[in-house]
Amino acid sequence: MRSRRYGLWVAALAVVVSVWAYGRLPDTVATHWDLRGQPDGYSSRLWAVTVMPVLVLLLTGLFRLFPKVDPKGANYDKFLDTYWLIANAVLTLVGLGHVLIVANGMGYSVQVDRLLPVGLGLLLAFLGNYMTRVEPNWFVGIRTPWTLSSDAVWRRTHRTAGWLFAFGGLMIAVAAFLPRPTFLPLTAAVLVVASAVPVVQSYVLWKRERQGGA
């Protein structure tokens, strides 16, 4: 999971799935679902089997590029294994999404609108476990003007974010199996809290740090 070539393997497997499934798919394939779990967006068969492998390749290229263009690029050496674990976890979710969409298009009983939130929740929980290992940078983690201006604020904010992501992600994964009137507001609430609290905390900590240093 720490390999820099992992994304290429995910893309290759996605291409194999696409080639195998292409002739078995209908001319149009559902690629988007509404809040009730009903397909409300369709793509051509070619687009449906192409977009995700291409996205995996693009993301792999971006993950390779980020450390080279980041003004804080020297910090990547301190958490490079963690960086690629996070990158490859994201690529895995994209690859999973491709498999689910293709399987649904082939007529298998696959609840994409349920299984993808499970994957998202598990990804957030996974990220939460590694938040405290991420060093200050411009592309991964809680990147606010206040975390990027203070290493101490960065570390304290990421400790909080780690707990929120871990527990929030597990809640989303479990909630995906609940009735939609419960799942949707609960998931929205978890995402808002998990994203907003670290941002607010980073500002408060930065403000206190400035006042303390005045």
N, C-alpha and C. Protein backbone atom coordinates (compact mmCIF):
# COMPACT_ATOMS: atom_id res chain seq x y z
N MET A 1 0.82 -1.22 0.00
CA MET A 1 0.00 0.00 0.00
C MET A 1 0.85 1.27 0.00
N ARG A 2 2.16 1.16 0.28
CA ARG A 2 3.01 2.34 0.29
C ARG A 2 3.71 2.55 -1.06
N SER A 3 3.49 1.64 -1.99
CA SER A 3 4.19 1.69 -3.27
C SER A 3 3.74 2.88 -4.12
N ARG A 4 4.70 3.53 -4.76
CA ARG A 4 4.36 4.63 -5.66
C ARG A 4 3.78 4.11 -6.97
N ARG A 5 3.90 2.83 -7.22
CA ARG A 5 3.36 2.24 -8.45
C ARG A 5 1.96 1.65 -8.23
N TYR A 6 1.47 1.74 -7.02
CA TYR A 6 0.18 1.14 -6.70
C TYR A 6 -0.93 1.65 -7.61
N GLY A 7 -0.94 2.95 -7.87
CA GLY A 7 -1.96 3.53 -8.72
C GLY A 7 -1.94 2.95 -10.13
N LEU A 8 -0.74 2.62 -10.62
CA LEU A 8 -0.64 2.02 -11.95
C LEU A 8 -1.28 0.63 -11.96
N TRP A 9 -1.10 -0.11 -10.86
CA TRP A 9 -1.72 -1.43 -10.75
C TRP A 9 -3.25 -1.31 -10.67
N VAL A 10 -3.72 -0.32 -9.90
CA VAL A 10 -5.17 -0.11 -9.81
C VAL A 10 -5.73 0.25 -11.18
N ALA A 11 -5.04 1.13 -11.89
CA ALA A 11 -5.49 1.53 -13.23
C ALA A 11 -5.49 0.33 -14.18
N ALA A 12 -4.44 -0.50 -14.08
CA ALA A 12 -4.35 -1.67 -14.96
C ALA A 12 -5.50 -2.64 -14.69
N LEU A 13 -5.79 -2.88 -13.42
CA LEU A 13 -6.90 -3.78 -13.07
C LEU A 13 -8.23 -3.19 -13.53
N ALA A 14 -8.37 -1.87 -13.39
CA ALA A 14 -9.60 -1.22 -13.85
C ALA A 14 -9.77 -1.38 -15.36
N VAL A 15 -8.66 -1.29 -16.09
CA VAL A 15 -8.72 -1.47 -17.54
C VAL A 15 -9.11 -2.91 -17.88
N VAL A 16 -8.55 -3.87 -17.15
CA VAL A 16 -8.91 -5.28 -17.38
C VAL A 16 -10.41 -5.48 -17.16
N VAL A 17 -10.94 -4.91 -16.07
CA VAL A 17 -12.37 -5.00 -15.80
C VAL A 17 -13.16 -4.36 -16.94
N SER A 18 -12.70 -3.22 -17.43
CA SER A 18 -13.40 -2.51 -18.49
C SER A 18 -13.44 -3.32 -19.78
N VAL A 19 -12.29 -3.88 -20.15
CA VAL A 19 -12.21 -4.66 -21.38
C VAL A 19 -13.11 -5.89 -21.29
N TRP A 20 -13.07 -6.55 -20.13
CA TRP A 20 -13.88 -7.75 -19.95
C TRP A 20 -15.38 -7.43 -19.98
N ALA A 21 -15.75 -6.29 -19.40
CA ALA A 21 -17.17 -5.97 -19.24
C ALA A 21 -17.76 -5.25 -20.44
N TYR A 22 -16.93 -4.65 -21.28
CA TYR A 22 -17.43 -3.74 -22.32
C TYR A 22 -18.53 -4.37 -23.17
N GLY A 23 -18.29 -5.56 -23.69
CA GLY A 23 -19.27 -6.20 -24.54
C GLY A 23 -20.50 -6.70 -23.82
N ARG A 24 -20.44 -6.72 -22.50
CA ARG A 24 -21.56 -7.21 -21.69
C ARG A 24 -22.44 -6.07 -21.17
N LEU A 25 -22.01 -4.85 -21.39
CA LEU A 25 -22.74 -3.69 -20.88
C LEU A 25 -23.75 -3.19 -21.90
N PRO A 26 -24.84 -2.57 -21.43
CA PRO A 26 -25.79 -1.94 -22.36
C PRO A 26 -25.18 -0.67 -22.95
N ASP A 27 -25.87 -0.08 -23.92
CA ASP A 27 -25.35 1.12 -24.58
C ASP A 27 -25.20 2.29 -23.62
N THR A 28 -26.11 2.39 -22.64
CA THR A 28 -26.01 3.43 -21.61
C THR A 28 -25.92 2.77 -20.25
N VAL A 29 -25.13 3.38 -19.37
CA VAL A 29 -24.86 2.81 -18.05
C VAL A 29 -25.13 3.87 -16.99
N ALA A 30 -25.81 3.48 -15.92
CA ALA A 30 -26.04 4.41 -14.80
C ALA A 30 -24.72 4.75 -14.13
N THR A 31 -24.46 6.04 -13.96
CA THR A 31 -23.21 6.46 -13.32
C THR A 31 -23.46 7.44 -12.18
N HIS A 32 -24.72 7.75 -11.89
CA HIS A 32 -25.04 8.66 -10.79
C HIS A 32 -26.39 8.28 -10.21
N TRP A 33 -26.52 8.45 -8.89
CA TRP A 33 -27.75 8.08 -8.20
C TRP A 33 -28.23 9.24 -7.35
N ASP A 34 -29.57 9.40 -7.24
CA ASP A 34 -30.13 10.48 -6.44
C ASP A 34 -30.20 10.08 -4.97
N LEU A 35 -30.75 10.97 -4.15
CA LEU A 35 -30.78 10.73 -2.71
C LEU A 35 -31.71 9.57 -2.32
N ARG A 36 -32.55 9.16 -3.23
CA ARG A 36 -33.44 8.02 -2.97
C ARG A 36 -32.83 6.71 -3.45
N GLY A 37 -31.63 6.79 -4.00
CA GLY A 37 -30.97 5.60 -4.50
C GLY A 37 -31.36 5.22 -5.91
N GLN A 38 -32.04 6.14 -6.62
CA GLN A 38 -32.47 5.86 -7.99
C GLN A 38 -31.48 6.48 -8.97
N PRO A 39 -31.13 5.74 -10.04
CA PRO A 39 -30.22 6.31 -11.05
C PRO A 39 -30.81 7.58 -11.66
N ASP A 40 -30.03 8.64 -11.69
CA ASP A 40 -30.50 9.88 -12.31
C ASP A 40 -29.46 10.46 -13.26
N GLY A 41 -28.43 9.68 -13.53
CA GLY A 41 -27.41 10.11 -14.48
C GLY A 41 -26.86 8.91 -15.23
N TYR A 42 -26.79 9.04 -16.55
CA TYR A 42 -26.34 7.92 -17.38
C TYR A 42 -25.21 8.38 -18.30
N SER A 43 -24.36 7.44 -18.65
CA SER A 43 -23.26 7.72 -19.57
C SER A 43 -23.22 6.65 -20.64
N SER A 44 -22.53 6.95 -21.71
CA SER A 44 -22.34 5.93 -22.73
C SER A 44 -21.49 4.79 -22.18
N ARG A 45 -21.61 3.65 -22.80
CA ARG A 45 -20.84 2.49 -22.36
C ARG A 45 -19.34 2.79 -22.40
N LEU A 46 -18.87 3.47 -23.44
CA LEU A 46 -17.45 3.78 -23.56
C LEU A 46 -16.99 4.69 -22.43
N TRP A 47 -17.79 5.73 -22.16
CA TRP A 47 -17.43 6.65 -21.09
C TRP A 47 -17.42 5.95 -19.73
N ALA A 48 -18.39 5.07 -19.51
CA ALA A 48 -18.50 4.39 -18.22
C ALA A 48 -17.30 3.50 -17.93
N VAL A 49 -16.71 2.91 -18.96
CA VAL A 49 -15.57 2.01 -18.73
C VAL A 49 -14.24 2.75 -18.82
N THR A 50 -14.27 4.01 -19.23
CA THR A 50 -13.02 4.75 -19.44
C THR A 50 -12.72 5.74 -18.32
N VAL A 51 -13.75 6.42 -17.80
CA VAL A 51 -13.52 7.58 -16.94
C VAL A 51 -12.76 7.23 -15.66
N MET A 52 -13.10 6.15 -15.00
CA MET A 52 -12.45 5.82 -13.74
C MET A 52 -10.99 5.41 -13.92
N PRO A 53 -10.65 4.54 -14.89
CA PRO A 53 -9.22 4.25 -15.10
C PRO A 53 -8.41 5.49 -15.41
N VAL A 54 -8.99 6.40 -16.21
CA VAL A 54 -8.27 7.64 -16.52
C VAL A 54 -8.11 8.49 -15.26
N LEU A 55 -9.17 8.54 -14.43
CA LEU A 55 -9.10 9.30 -13.19
C LEU A 55 -8.02 8.74 -12.26
N VAL A 56 -7.91 7.43 -12.18
CA VAL A 56 -6.87 6.82 -11.35
C VAL A 56 -5.49 7.25 -11.84
N LEU A 57 -5.28 7.23 -13.14
CA LEU A 57 -3.98 7.64 -13.70
C LEU A 57 -3.70 9.11 -13.42
N LEU A 58 -4.72 9.97 -13.58
CA LEU A 58 -4.53 11.39 -13.30
C LEU A 58 -4.19 11.64 -11.84
N LEU A 59 -4.91 10.98 -10.94
CA LEU A 59 -4.64 11.14 -9.52
C LEU A 59 -3.25 10.63 -9.16
N THR A 60 -2.85 9.50 -9.77
CA THR A 60 -1.52 8.97 -9.51
C THR A 60 -0.46 9.99 -9.92
N GLY A 61 -0.66 10.61 -11.08
CA GLY A 61 0.27 11.63 -11.52
C GLY A 61 0.31 12.83 -10.58
N LEU A 62 -0.86 13.25 -10.10
CA LEU A 62 -0.91 14.38 -9.18
C LEU A 62 -0.22 14.05 -7.86
N PHE A 63 -0.45 12.84 -7.35
CA PHE A 63 0.19 12.46 -6.10
C PHE A 63 1.72 12.42 -6.25
N ARG A 64 2.20 12.10 -7.42
CA ARG A 64 3.64 12.13 -7.66
C ARG A 64 4.15 13.58 -7.78
N LEU A 65 3.27 14.45 -8.31
CA LEU A 65 3.67 15.83 -8.55
C LEU A 65 3.68 16.68 -7.28
N PHE A 66 2.72 16.46 -6.39
CA PHE A 66 2.54 17.33 -5.24
C PHE A 66 3.82 17.57 -4.44
N PRO A 67 4.58 16.52 -4.06
CA PRO A 67 5.78 16.78 -3.27
C PRO A 67 6.81 17.64 -4.00
N LYS A 68 6.77 17.62 -5.32
CA LYS A 68 7.77 18.36 -6.10
C LYS A 68 7.45 19.84 -6.21
N VAL A 69 6.16 20.20 -6.10
CA VAL A 69 5.77 21.60 -6.28
C VAL A 69 5.35 22.26 -4.97
N ASP A 70 5.26 21.49 -3.91
CA ASP A 70 4.83 22.02 -2.62
C ASP A 70 5.93 22.91 -2.02
N PRO A 71 5.61 24.16 -1.63
CA PRO A 71 6.60 25.00 -0.97
C PRO A 71 7.19 24.38 0.29
N LYS A 72 6.43 23.46 0.90
CA LYS A 72 6.92 22.75 2.07
C LYS A 72 7.38 21.33 1.69
N GLY A 73 7.89 21.20 0.49
CA GLY A 73 8.24 19.90 -0.04
C GLY A 73 9.24 19.12 0.80
N ALA A 74 10.11 19.81 1.53
CA ALA A 74 11.10 19.12 2.34
C ALA A 74 10.45 18.28 3.44
N ASN A 75 9.24 18.64 3.84
CA ASN A 75 8.57 17.90 4.92
C ASN A 75 8.09 16.52 4.48
N TYR A 76 7.96 16.29 3.17
CA TYR A 76 7.44 15.01 2.71
C TYR A 76 8.35 13.84 3.10
N ASP A 77 9.64 14.10 3.18
CA ASP A 77 10.57 13.04 3.58
C ASP A 77 10.26 12.52 4.98
N LYS A 78 9.60 13.36 5.81
CA LYS A 78 9.31 12.97 7.18
C LYS A 78 8.07 12.08 7.29
N PHE A 79 7.23 12.07 6.25
CA PHE A 79 6.02 11.24 6.33
C PHE A 79 5.70 10.59 4.99
N LEU A 80 6.74 10.25 4.22
CA LEU A 80 6.54 9.77 2.86
C LEU A 80 5.75 8.47 2.83
N ASP A 81 6.01 7.54 3.75
CA ASP A 81 5.25 6.30 3.78
C ASP A 81 3.77 6.57 4.05
N THR A 82 3.50 7.46 4.99
CA THR A 82 2.12 7.82 5.30
C THR A 82 1.47 8.51 4.11
N TYR A 83 2.20 9.37 3.45
CA TYR A 83 1.67 10.08 2.28
C TYR A 83 1.19 9.09 1.23
N TRP A 84 1.99 8.07 0.94
CA TRP A 84 1.59 7.12 -0.09
C TRP A 84 0.52 6.17 0.39
N LEU A 85 0.47 5.89 1.68
CA LEU A 85 -0.66 5.12 2.21
C LEU A 85 -1.97 5.85 1.97
N ILE A 86 -1.97 7.16 2.27
CA ILE A 86 -3.17 7.97 2.07
C ILE A 86 -3.52 8.05 0.59
N ALA A 87 -2.53 8.31 -0.24
CA ALA A 87 -2.77 8.41 -1.68
C ALA A 87 -3.34 7.11 -2.23
N ASN A 88 -2.76 6.00 -1.84
CA ASN A 88 -3.20 4.71 -2.36
C ASN A 88 -4.58 4.30 -1.83
N ALA A 89 -4.91 4.75 -0.63
CA ALA A 89 -6.25 4.50 -0.10
C ALA A 89 -7.29 5.23 -0.94
N VAL A 90 -6.99 6.45 -1.34
CA VAL A 90 -7.89 7.22 -2.21
C VAL A 90 -8.04 6.52 -3.56
N LEU A 91 -6.94 6.05 -4.12
CA LEU A 91 -6.97 5.37 -5.40
C LEU A 91 -7.77 4.07 -5.32
N THR A 92 -7.67 3.40 -4.18
CA THR A 92 -8.43 2.17 -3.99
C THR A 92 -9.93 2.45 -4.03
N LEU A 93 -10.36 3.54 -3.39
CA LEU A 93 -11.79 3.89 -3.40
C LEU A 93 -12.27 4.19 -4.81
N VAL A 94 -11.45 4.89 -5.59
CA VAL A 94 -11.83 5.18 -6.98
C VAL A 94 -11.94 3.89 -7.77
N GLY A 95 -10.98 2.98 -7.57
CA GLY A 95 -11.04 1.69 -8.25
C GLY A 95 -12.27 0.89 -7.85
N LEU A 96 -12.61 0.93 -6.57
CA LEU A 96 -13.81 0.24 -6.10
C LEU A 96 -15.05 0.83 -6.74
N GLY A 97 -15.10 2.16 -6.85
CA GLY A 97 -16.24 2.80 -7.50
C GLY A 97 -16.40 2.33 -8.93
N HIS A 98 -15.30 2.16 -9.63
CA HIS A 98 -15.35 1.67 -11.01
C HIS A 98 -15.96 0.28 -11.08
N VAL A 99 -15.50 -0.61 -10.21
CA VAL A 99 -16.01 -1.98 -10.20
C VAL A 99 -17.51 -2.00 -9.90
N LEU A 100 -17.94 -1.19 -8.94
CA LEU A 100 -19.35 -1.17 -8.57
C LEU A 100 -20.22 -0.65 -9.71
N ILE A 101 -19.78 0.40 -10.38
CA ILE A 101 -20.56 0.96 -11.48
C ILE A 101 -20.66 -0.05 -12.63
N VAL A 102 -19.56 -0.69 -12.93
CA VAL A 102 -19.57 -1.69 -14.01
C VAL A 102 -20.47 -2.87 -13.64
N ALA A 103 -20.34 -3.35 -12.41
CA ALA A 103 -21.16 -4.48 -11.96
C ALA A 103 -22.65 -4.14 -12.02
N ASN A 104 -22.99 -2.94 -11.58
CA ASN A 104 -24.39 -2.51 -11.65
C ASN A 104 -24.87 -2.44 -13.09
N GLY A 105 -24.01 -1.91 -13.96
CA GLY A 105 -24.37 -1.82 -15.37
C GLY A 105 -24.59 -3.17 -16.02
N MET A 106 -23.91 -4.19 -15.51
CA MET A 106 -24.05 -5.53 -16.07
C MET A 106 -25.28 -6.26 -15.52
N GLY A 107 -25.98 -5.60 -14.59
CA GLY A 107 -27.22 -6.18 -14.09
C GLY A 107 -27.11 -6.89 -12.76
N TYR A 108 -25.93 -6.86 -12.17
CA TYR A 108 -25.79 -7.47 -10.85
C TYR A 108 -26.50 -6.62 -9.81
N SER A 109 -26.97 -7.25 -8.75
CA SER A 109 -27.68 -6.55 -7.69
C SER A 109 -26.66 -5.86 -6.79
N VAL A 110 -26.26 -4.66 -7.19
CA VAL A 110 -25.24 -3.89 -6.47
C VAL A 110 -25.83 -2.55 -6.10
N GLN A 111 -25.89 -2.26 -4.83
CA GLN A 111 -26.40 -0.96 -4.36
C GLN A 111 -25.24 0.03 -4.28
N VAL A 112 -24.92 0.61 -5.41
CA VAL A 112 -23.79 1.52 -5.48
C VAL A 112 -23.96 2.68 -4.51
N ASP A 113 -25.21 3.18 -4.41
CA ASP A 113 -25.47 4.33 -3.54
C ASP A 113 -25.28 4.00 -2.07
N ARG A 114 -25.22 2.72 -1.73
CA ARG A 114 -24.98 2.30 -0.35
C ARG A 114 -23.52 1.91 -0.14
N LEU A 115 -22.98 1.16 -1.09
CA LEU A 115 -21.63 0.63 -0.92
C LEU A 115 -20.55 1.71 -1.04
N LEU A 116 -20.76 2.69 -1.90
CA LEU A 116 -19.77 3.76 -1.99
C LEU A 116 -19.68 4.58 -0.70
N PRO A 117 -20.81 4.92 -0.03
CA PRO A 117 -20.69 5.56 1.28
C PRO A 117 -19.95 4.70 2.30
N VAL A 118 -20.14 3.37 2.22
CA VAL A 118 -19.37 2.49 3.11
C VAL A 118 -17.88 2.67 2.83
N GLY A 119 -17.53 2.67 1.54
CA GLY A 119 -16.13 2.87 1.18
C GLY A 119 -15.61 4.23 1.63
N LEU A 120 -16.43 5.27 1.46
CA LEU A 120 -16.04 6.61 1.89
C LEU A 120 -15.84 6.66 3.39
N GLY A 121 -16.76 6.05 4.13
CA GLY A 121 -16.63 6.04 5.59
C GLY A 121 -15.38 5.32 6.05
N LEU A 122 -15.10 4.18 5.44
CA LEU A 122 -13.89 3.44 5.81
C LEU A 122 -12.63 4.21 5.42
N LEU A 123 -12.70 4.93 4.30
CA LEU A 123 -11.56 5.76 3.91
C LEU A 123 -11.31 6.86 4.94
N LEU A 124 -12.37 7.54 5.38
CA LEU A 124 -12.22 8.58 6.39
C LEU A 124 -11.66 8.02 7.69
N ALA A 125 -12.15 6.84 8.09
CA ALA A 125 -11.64 6.21 9.30
C ALA A 125 -10.17 5.87 9.15
N PHE A 126 -9.79 5.38 7.99
CA PHE A 126 -8.39 5.08 7.70
C PHE A 126 -7.53 6.33 7.77
N LEU A 127 -8.01 7.40 7.13
CA LEU A 127 -7.27 8.66 7.16
C LEU A 127 -7.11 9.18 8.58
N GLY A 128 -8.16 9.03 9.38
CA GLY A 128 -8.10 9.50 10.76
C GLY A 128 -6.99 8.87 11.55
N ASN A 129 -6.70 7.60 11.27
CA ASN A 129 -5.65 6.90 11.99
C ASN A 129 -4.25 7.39 11.63
N TYR A 130 -4.14 8.10 10.52
CA TYR A 130 -2.81 8.54 10.07
C TYR A 130 -2.65 10.06 10.10
N MET A 131 -3.69 10.77 10.53
CA MET A 131 -3.64 12.23 10.54
C MET A 131 -2.46 12.79 11.32
N THR A 132 -2.18 12.21 12.46
CA THR A 132 -1.13 12.77 13.32
C THR A 132 0.27 12.55 12.74
N ARG A 133 0.39 11.70 11.72
CA ARG A 133 1.69 11.45 11.12
C ARG A 133 2.00 12.39 9.96
N VAL A 134 0.99 13.15 9.55
CA VAL A 134 1.16 14.05 8.41
C VAL A 134 1.84 15.33 8.86
N GLU A 135 2.94 15.66 8.20
CA GLU A 135 3.66 16.90 8.50
C GLU A 135 3.07 18.05 7.67
N PRO A 136 3.33 19.29 8.10
CA PRO A 136 2.77 20.44 7.38
C PRO A 136 3.09 20.42 5.88
N ASN A 137 2.06 20.56 5.07
CA ASN A 137 2.20 20.62 3.62
C ASN A 137 0.96 21.28 3.04
N TRP A 138 0.98 21.54 1.75
CA TRP A 138 -0.11 22.29 1.12
C TRP A 138 -1.17 21.41 0.46
N PHE A 139 -1.02 20.08 0.50
CA PHE A 139 -1.93 19.24 -0.27
C PHE A 139 -2.64 18.15 0.52
N VAL A 140 -2.12 17.74 1.65
CA VAL A 140 -2.71 16.63 2.41
C VAL A 140 -2.95 17.08 3.84
N GLY A 141 -4.15 16.82 4.35
CA GLY A 141 -4.45 17.18 5.73
C GLY A 141 -5.36 18.39 5.83
N ILE A 142 -5.41 18.97 7.03
CA ILE A 142 -6.25 20.15 7.29
C ILE A 142 -5.42 21.38 6.95
N ARG A 143 -5.61 21.89 5.75
CA ARG A 143 -4.76 22.97 5.25
C ARG A 143 -5.53 24.28 5.33
N THR A 144 -5.31 25.00 6.40
CA THR A 144 -5.90 26.33 6.56
C THR A 144 -4.76 27.32 6.69
N PRO A 145 -5.04 28.62 6.55
CA PRO A 145 -3.97 29.61 6.73
C PRO A 145 -3.31 29.50 8.11
N TRP A 146 -4.07 29.00 9.08
CA TRP A 146 -3.57 28.98 10.45
C TRP A 146 -2.74 27.73 10.74
N THR A 147 -3.11 26.58 10.17
CA THR A 147 -2.26 25.39 10.34
C THR A 147 -0.97 25.54 9.55
N LEU A 148 -1.05 26.19 8.38
CA LEU A 148 0.14 26.33 7.55
C LEU A 148 1.10 27.39 8.07
N SER A 149 0.63 28.22 8.99
CA SER A 149 1.50 29.26 9.54
C SER A 149 2.13 28.86 10.87
N SER A 150 1.73 27.72 11.42
CA SER A 150 2.25 27.30 12.72
C SER A 150 2.29 25.78 12.81
N ASP A 151 3.48 25.23 13.03
CA ASP A 151 3.60 23.77 13.16
C ASP A 151 2.85 23.26 14.39
N ALA A 152 2.84 24.05 15.46
CA ALA A 152 2.14 23.64 16.68
C ALA A 152 0.63 23.57 16.44
N VAL A 153 0.10 24.57 15.75
CA VAL A 153 -1.33 24.57 15.42
C VAL A 153 -1.65 23.40 14.49
N TRP A 154 -0.78 23.15 13.53
CA TRP A 154 -0.98 22.01 12.63
C TRP A 154 -1.13 20.71 13.41
N ARG A 155 -0.21 20.46 14.33
CA ARG A 155 -0.20 19.17 15.04
C ARG A 155 -1.42 19.03 15.96
N ARG A 156 -1.76 20.07 16.68
CA ARG A 156 -2.92 19.97 17.58
C ARG A 156 -4.22 19.83 16.79
N THR A 157 -4.32 20.54 15.69
CA THR A 157 -5.52 20.44 14.86
C THR A 157 -5.65 19.04 14.28
N HIS A 158 -4.55 18.44 13.87
CA HIS A 158 -4.60 17.11 13.26
C HIS A 158 -4.87 16.01 14.29
N ARG A 159 -4.53 16.24 15.53
CA ARG A 159 -4.92 15.27 16.56
C ARG A 159 -6.45 15.24 16.68
N THR A 160 -7.05 16.42 16.70
CA THR A 160 -8.50 16.49 16.77
C THR A 160 -9.14 15.90 15.51
N ALA A 161 -8.61 16.29 14.35
CA ALA A 161 -9.15 15.80 13.09
C ALA A 161 -9.04 14.28 12.99
N GLY A 162 -7.96 13.73 13.52
CA GLY A 162 -7.78 12.29 13.48
C GLY A 162 -8.91 11.55 14.19
N TRP A 163 -9.24 12.01 15.40
CA TRP A 163 -10.35 11.40 16.14
C TRP A 163 -11.68 11.58 15.41
N LEU A 164 -11.93 12.78 14.92
CA LEU A 164 -13.19 13.05 14.24
C LEU A 164 -13.33 12.22 12.97
N PHE A 165 -12.27 12.11 12.19
CA PHE A 165 -12.32 11.34 10.96
C PHE A 165 -12.51 9.85 11.25
N ALA A 166 -11.80 9.35 12.26
CA ALA A 166 -11.88 7.92 12.57
C ALA A 166 -13.29 7.53 13.02
N PHE A 167 -13.82 8.25 14.01
CA PHE A 167 -15.15 7.92 14.51
C PHE A 167 -16.24 8.30 13.50
N GLY A 168 -16.08 9.46 12.88
CA GLY A 168 -17.06 9.88 11.89
C GLY A 168 -17.12 8.93 10.70
N GLY A 169 -15.98 8.47 10.25
CA GLY A 169 -15.95 7.54 9.13
C GLY A 169 -16.66 6.24 9.46
N LEU A 170 -16.42 5.72 10.65
CA LEU A 170 -17.09 4.49 11.05
C LEU A 170 -18.60 4.70 11.16
N MET A 171 -19.00 5.87 11.64
CA MET A 171 -20.44 6.17 11.72
C MET A 171 -21.07 6.20 10.33
N ILE A 172 -20.38 6.78 9.35
CA ILE A 172 -20.91 6.84 8.00
C ILE A 172 -21.02 5.43 7.41
N ALA A 173 -19.98 4.61 7.64
CA ALA A 173 -19.99 3.25 7.11
C ALA A 173 -21.16 2.45 7.67
N VAL A 174 -21.43 2.60 8.95
CA VAL A 174 -22.54 1.88 9.57
C VAL A 174 -23.88 2.48 9.13
N ALA A 175 -23.94 3.82 9.08
CA ALA A 175 -25.19 4.50 8.73
C ALA A 175 -25.64 4.19 7.32
N ALA A 176 -24.70 3.77 6.45
CA ALA A 176 -25.06 3.48 5.06
C ALA A 176 -26.11 2.37 4.96
N PHE A 177 -26.24 1.56 6.01
CA PHE A 177 -27.21 0.47 5.99
C PHE A 177 -28.52 0.85 6.67
N LEU A 178 -28.60 2.07 7.17
CA LEU A 178 -29.82 2.52 7.82
C LEU A 178 -30.81 3.05 6.78
N PRO A 179 -32.08 3.22 7.15
CA PRO A 179 -33.04 3.83 6.23
C PRO A 179 -32.57 5.21 5.77
N ARG A 180 -32.87 5.56 4.55
CA ARG A 180 -32.36 6.82 3.99
C ARG A 180 -32.75 8.06 4.80
N PRO A 181 -33.97 8.13 5.37
CA PRO A 181 -34.29 9.31 6.18
C PRO A 181 -33.35 9.48 7.38
N THR A 182 -32.70 8.40 7.80
CA THR A 182 -31.72 8.48 8.89
C THR A 182 -30.32 8.66 8.35
N PHE A 183 -30.00 7.89 7.30
CA PHE A 183 -28.64 7.88 6.75
C PHE A 183 -28.22 9.25 6.23
N LEU A 184 -29.07 9.89 5.45
CA LEU A 184 -28.67 11.13 4.79
C LEU A 184 -28.36 12.27 5.77
N PRO A 185 -29.27 12.60 6.71
CA PRO A 185 -28.93 13.69 7.64
C PRO A 185 -27.78 13.34 8.56
N LEU A 186 -27.67 12.06 8.96
CA LEU A 186 -26.57 11.66 9.84
C LEU A 186 -25.24 11.81 9.11
N THR A 187 -25.18 11.36 7.87
CA THR A 187 -23.94 11.49 7.09
C THR A 187 -23.57 12.95 6.89
N ALA A 188 -24.58 13.77 6.55
CA ALA A 188 -24.31 15.19 6.36
C ALA A 188 -23.79 15.83 7.64
N ALA A 189 -24.39 15.49 8.77
CA ALA A 189 -23.97 16.05 10.04
C ALA A 189 -22.53 15.65 10.37
N VAL A 190 -22.21 14.39 10.14
CA VAL A 190 -20.85 13.90 10.43
C VAL A 190 -19.83 14.64 9.56
N LEU A 191 -20.13 14.79 8.28
CA LEU A 191 -19.19 15.46 7.38
C LEU A 191 -19.00 16.93 7.76
N VAL A 192 -20.09 17.59 8.13
CA VAL A 192 -19.99 19.00 8.53
C VAL A 192 -19.14 19.15 9.79
N VAL A 193 -19.42 18.32 10.79
CA VAL A 193 -18.67 18.40 12.05
C VAL A 193 -17.20 18.06 11.83
N ALA A 194 -16.94 16.97 11.08
CA ALA A 194 -15.56 16.52 10.89
C ALA A 194 -14.72 17.52 10.10
N SER A 195 -15.38 18.31 9.24
CA SER A 195 -14.64 19.29 8.45
C SER A 195 -14.59 20.66 9.12
N ALA A 196 -15.67 21.04 9.81
CA ALA A 196 -15.75 22.39 10.37
C ALA A 196 -14.97 22.53 11.69
N VAL A 197 -15.07 21.53 12.55
CA VAL A 197 -14.42 21.64 13.87
C VAL A 197 -12.92 21.86 13.75
N PRO A 198 -12.18 21.09 12.94
CA PRO A 198 -10.73 21.35 12.84
C PRO A 198 -10.41 22.73 12.28
N VAL A 199 -11.23 23.21 11.35
CA VAL A 199 -10.98 24.54 10.79
C VAL A 199 -11.13 25.61 11.86
N VAL A 200 -12.23 25.54 12.62
CA VAL A 200 -12.46 26.51 13.69
C VAL A 200 -11.38 26.39 14.75
N GLN A 201 -11.04 25.16 15.11
CA GLN A 201 -10.01 24.96 16.13
C GLN A 201 -8.67 25.55 15.69
N SER A 202 -8.34 25.38 14.41
CA SER A 202 -7.05 25.90 13.93
C SER A 202 -6.98 27.41 14.08
N TYR A 203 -8.10 28.09 13.82
CA TYR A 203 -8.11 29.54 13.98
C TYR A 203 -7.97 29.92 15.45
N VAL A 204 -8.74 29.25 16.31
CA VAL A 204 -8.70 29.56 17.74
C VAL A 204 -7.29 29.33 18.29
N LEU A 205 -6.67 28.22 17.94
CA LEU A 205 -5.33 27.93 18.43
C LEU A 205 -4.32 28.95 17.91
N TRP A 206 -4.45 29.31 16.65
CA TRP A 206 -3.55 30.31 16.08
C TRP A 206 -3.70 31.65 16.77
N LYS A 207 -4.95 32.03 17.04
CA LYS A 207 -5.21 33.31 17.71
C LYS A 207 -4.60 33.31 19.10
N ARG A 208 -4.79 32.22 19.83
CA ARG A 208 -4.20 32.12 21.17
C ARG A 208 -2.68 32.17 21.11
N GLU A 209 -2.11 31.51 20.12
CA GLU A 209 -0.66 31.49 19.98
C GLU A 209 -0.12 32.89 19.73
N ARG A 210 -0.81 33.66 18.91
CA ARG A 210 -0.40 35.04 18.63
C ARG A 210 -0.51 35.92 19.86
N GLN A 211 -1.62 35.76 20.57
CA GLN A 211 -1.82 36.57 21.77
C GLN A 211 -0.79 36.21 22.85
N GLY A 212 -0.47 34.92 22.92
CA GLY A 212 0.51 34.50 23.92
C GLY A 212 1.90 34.99 23.60
N GLY A 213 2.16 35.18 22.27
CA GLY A 213 3.48 35.61 21.89
C GLY A 213 3.63 37.11 21.83
N ALA A 214 2.49 37.80 22.03
CA ALA A 214 2.52 39.28 21.94
C ALA A 214 3.17 39.87 23.18
